[in-house]
Protein backbone atom coordinates (compact mmCIF):
# COMPACT_ATOMS: atom_id res chain seq x y z
CA MET A 1 101.08 1.81 101.14
CA ALA A 2 100.18 4.26 98.39
CA ASN A 3 99.76 1.37 95.97
CA ILE A 4 97.34 -0.35 98.34
CA PHE A 5 95.26 2.81 98.65
CA ASP A 6 95.21 3.17 94.87
CA LEU A 7 94.00 -0.41 94.60
CA PHE A 8 91.19 0.26 97.08
CA LYS A 9 90.11 3.30 95.06
CA LYS A 10 90.04 1.25 91.86
CA ILE A 11 87.94 -1.46 93.54
CA GLU A 12 85.49 1.12 94.92
CA LYS A 13 85.20 2.79 91.52
CA LYS A 14 84.59 -0.55 89.79
CA GLU A 15 81.88 -1.51 92.30
CA GLU A 16 80.21 1.89 91.89
CA SER A 17 80.24 1.78 88.08
CA SER A 18 78.78 -1.73 88.09
CA SER A 19 75.75 -0.64 90.10
CA PRO A 20 72.64 -0.26 87.94
CA ILE A 21 71.28 3.20 87.17
CA THR A 22 67.87 3.47 88.80
CA HIS A 23 67.13 7.20 88.59
CA ILE A 24 67.40 10.12 86.19
CA ILE A 25 68.05 13.69 87.27
CA CYS A 26 67.40 16.04 84.38
CA GLY A 27 67.91 19.80 84.30
CA LEU A 28 66.10 21.70 81.55
CA GLY A 29 67.45 24.53 79.43
CA ASN A 30 68.59 25.58 75.98
CA PRO A 31 72.05 24.80 74.57
CA GLY A 32 74.35 27.56 73.34
CA ASP A 33 76.27 30.48 74.81
CA LYS A 34 73.51 33.01 74.16
CA TYR A 35 71.23 31.21 76.61
CA VAL A 36 73.69 31.10 79.50
CA CYS A 37 72.18 32.60 82.66
CA THR A 38 68.80 33.20 81.04
CA ARG A 39 65.73 32.51 83.17
CA HIS A 40 64.85 29.44 81.09
CA ASN A 41 68.22 27.84 81.85
CA ALA A 42 67.71 27.52 85.60
CA GLY A 43 67.70 23.73 85.23
CA PHE A 44 71.10 23.75 83.53
CA VAL A 45 72.58 26.00 86.21
CA ALA A 46 71.22 23.78 88.97
CA MET A 47 72.72 20.73 87.25
CA ASP A 48 76.10 22.45 87.13
CA TYR A 49 75.95 22.95 90.89
CA LEU A 50 74.80 19.37 91.42
CA THR A 51 77.50 17.74 89.29
CA ARG A 52 80.18 19.88 90.90
CA GLU A 53 79.00 18.81 94.35
CA MET A 54 78.96 15.17 93.23
CA GLY A 55 82.42 15.49 91.68
CA VAL A 56 81.31 14.22 88.27
CA SER A 57 81.08 15.61 84.75
CA CYS A 58 78.00 15.94 82.57
CA ASN A 59 79.63 16.19 79.15
CA ARG A 60 79.05 12.94 77.29
CA ILE A 61 76.61 13.06 74.41
CA ARG A 62 73.94 10.37 74.80
CA PHE A 63 70.16 10.32 74.36
CA LYS A 64 70.24 13.76 72.65
CA ALA A 65 71.68 15.19 75.87
CA LEU A 66 74.86 15.95 77.75
CA CYS A 67 75.03 13.11 80.23
CA GLY A 68 77.00 11.94 83.22
CA GLU A 69 76.74 9.21 85.81
CA GLY A 70 77.22 9.32 89.55
CA THR A 71 76.04 8.24 92.95
CA ILE A 72 74.07 10.42 95.33
CA ASN A 73 72.92 9.25 98.74
CA GLY A 74 73.82 5.70 97.72
CA VAL A 75 71.70 5.79 94.56
CA ARG A 76 73.17 5.45 91.07
CA VAL A 77 71.82 8.17 88.76
CA LEU A 78 72.00 9.33 85.16
CA LEU A 79 72.48 13.10 84.97
CA MET A 80 71.07 14.87 81.92
CA LYS A 81 71.07 18.26 80.23
CA PRO A 82 68.96 17.80 77.05
CA GLN A 83 70.40 19.44 73.93
CA THR A 84 67.13 19.35 72.00
CA TYR A 85 66.12 22.87 73.07
CA MET A 86 63.51 23.32 75.74
CA ASN A 87 60.36 22.52 73.76
CA ALA A 88 61.60 19.03 72.81
CA SER A 89 63.11 18.01 76.16
CA GLY A 90 60.85 14.98 76.33
CA GLU A 91 62.65 13.31 73.42
CA ALA A 92 65.85 12.99 75.46
CA VAL A 93 64.18 11.98 78.71
CA ALA A 94 61.96 9.35 77.09
CA GLU A 95 64.90 7.83 75.21
CA ALA A 96 67.00 7.53 78.35
CA SER A 97 64.18 6.21 80.51
CA ALA A 98 63.34 3.54 77.92
CA PHE A 99 66.99 2.46 77.66
CA TYR A 100 67.44 2.05 81.44
CA LYS A 101 63.81 1.01 82.05
CA ILE A 102 63.38 3.75 84.62
CA PRO A 103 59.81 4.40 85.81
CA PRO A 104 58.47 7.98 85.83
CA GLU A 105 58.53 8.19 89.64
CA ASN A 106 62.32 7.82 89.46
CA ILE A 107 62.76 10.70 87.00
CA ILE A 108 63.53 14.02 88.69
CA VAL A 109 63.18 17.11 86.51
CA ILE A 110 64.57 20.55 87.37
CA SER A 111 63.18 23.60 85.58
CA ASP A 112 62.52 27.31 85.84
CA ASP A 113 59.28 28.68 87.29
CA VAL A 114 57.98 32.10 86.25
CA ALA A 115 55.24 31.94 88.90
CA GLN A 116 57.80 32.01 91.71
CA ASN A 117 59.95 34.88 92.89
CA ILE A 118 63.71 34.73 92.51
CA GLY A 119 65.23 32.66 95.31
CA ARG A 120 62.22 30.41 95.80
CA VAL A 121 61.91 26.70 95.09
CA ARG A 122 58.86 24.50 94.63
CA ILE A 123 58.98 20.71 94.75
CA ARG A 124 56.02 18.66 93.54
CA LYS A 125 55.36 14.93 93.23
CA SER A 126 53.42 15.31 89.98
CA GLY A 127 51.12 17.69 88.18
CA SER A 128 50.59 19.67 85.01
CA ALA A 129 53.30 21.55 83.14
CA GLY A 130 51.96 24.88 84.34
CA GLY A 131 52.91 26.49 81.04
CA GLN A 132 56.54 25.25 81.17
CA ARG A 133 57.09 23.79 77.70
CA GLY A 134 59.96 21.52 78.68
CA LEU A 135 57.79 19.86 81.31
CA LYS A 136 54.94 19.71 78.78
CA SER A 137 57.19 17.87 76.31
CA ILE A 138 58.29 15.37 78.97
CA ILE A 139 54.69 14.73 80.02
CA GLU A 140 53.73 14.12 76.38
CA HIS A 141 56.59 11.71 75.73
CA LEU A 142 56.28 9.78 79.00
CA LYS A 143 52.49 9.84 78.69
CA THR A 144 52.20 10.69 82.37
CA ASP A 145 52.73 13.64 84.71
CA THR A 146 53.56 11.48 87.73
CA PHE A 147 57.23 12.35 88.02
CA PRO A 148 58.80 14.60 90.69
CA ARG A 149 59.92 18.04 89.64
CA VAL A 150 61.90 20.86 91.23
CA ARG A 151 60.95 24.30 89.98
CA ILE A 152 63.29 27.22 90.56
CA GLY A 153 61.78 30.69 90.79
CA VAL A 154 63.00 33.13 88.16
CA GLY A 155 60.48 35.90 88.80
CA GLN A 156 57.17 36.90 87.30
CA LYS A 157 56.68 39.04 84.22
CA PRO A 158 56.63 42.77 85.09
CA THR A 159 53.24 43.18 83.36
CA PRO A 160 50.64 40.74 81.99
CA GLU A 161 51.26 42.13 78.49
CA TYR A 162 54.99 41.36 78.59
CA ASP A 163 55.86 38.59 76.09
CA LEU A 164 56.57 35.36 78.01
CA ALA A 165 59.19 34.14 75.51
CA ASP A 166 61.11 37.40 75.83
CA TRP A 167 60.91 37.12 79.62
CA VAL A 168 62.20 33.56 79.99
CA LEU A 169 64.95 34.12 77.41
CA GLY A 170 66.11 37.24 79.23
CA LYS A 171 69.12 37.25 81.53
CA ILE A 172 68.88 37.06 85.30
CA PRO A 173 69.49 40.65 86.54
CA LYS A 174 72.78 41.15 88.41
CA GLU A 175 70.98 42.25 91.56
CA ASP A 176 69.01 38.98 91.60
CA GLU A 177 71.96 36.66 91.01
CA PRO A 178 72.79 36.03 94.72
CA ALA A 179 69.26 34.79 95.46
CA TYR A 180 69.13 32.83 92.19
CA PHE A 181 72.42 31.04 92.76
CA SER A 182 71.54 30.49 96.41
CA VAL A 183 68.54 28.37 95.49
CA CYS A 184 70.51 26.48 92.83
CA GLN A 185 72.99 25.52 95.53
CA GLN A 186 70.20 23.64 97.35
CA ILE A 187 69.78 21.09 94.56
CA TYR A 188 72.23 18.58 96.01
CA GLY A 189 70.31 18.43 99.28
CA ILE A 190 67.00 18.23 97.45
CA ALA A 191 68.18 15.49 95.11
CA SER A 192 69.60 13.49 98.02
CA LEU A 193 66.11 13.23 99.48
CA LEU A 194 64.23 12.73 96.22
CA VAL A 195 66.30 9.75 95.04
CA LYS A 196 65.37 7.99 98.28
CA GLY A 197 61.69 8.68 97.71
CA GLU A 198 61.56 11.15 100.59
CA ILE A 199 59.53 13.68 98.62
CA ASP A 200 57.36 14.83 101.52
CA GLU A 201 60.45 15.59 103.59
CA ALA A 202 62.02 17.47 100.68
CA MET A 203 58.85 19.52 100.20
CA CYS A 204 58.62 20.29 103.90
CA LYS A 205 62.28 21.31 104.15
CA TYR A 206 62.80 23.22 100.91
CA ASN A 207 59.48 24.55 99.62
CA GLY A 208 59.75 27.39 102.12
CA PHE A 209 63.31 28.20 101.14
CA ASN A 210 63.91 31.85 100.42
CA GLY A 211 67.30 32.67 98.95
CA LYS A 212 66.83 36.35 99.81
CA GLN A 213 66.76 35.75 103.56
């Protein structure tokens, strides 16, 4: 019987891998150990939670990114963590979208948000980069801002004079880690809705999420 079950698993895996990739889920961040758990790497952390929940790896170098493939809510997706550094994230996303012929509305981008408190999430259908340079790069390369994005709150600068680069490249404080990781854990549920085009439902359900509650 074990051999029959193994055969079924192989058939299921073959059918899954033969399904076309129709969506991209891309988490933004900077490569390298020194950027681990910095505010700017919220997208990478969220992707780590997502891939773990999906039971897949995101470790194959393609399109100037660490990539993986998987199925979420019945939809075949390419998972990406660009290795171009934040300011050139659009190079990786544009290359992958051109290869798979994926329209912007099927590209989901996850990034940090310095306008939101730790533990908050904001989902939007489209819009400007809002000062986030990874999003700005993607908008420039895709020549459109009409792609859904999930922005994870990493806290506002303590003072207006505080250098923004120093802030986003700083580490998440230990006392804020529970709220930060709590919101990252919501990415699987968010992505499950977004790949089905249920953006309004995702916004209604998660935009009020508060990881500190």
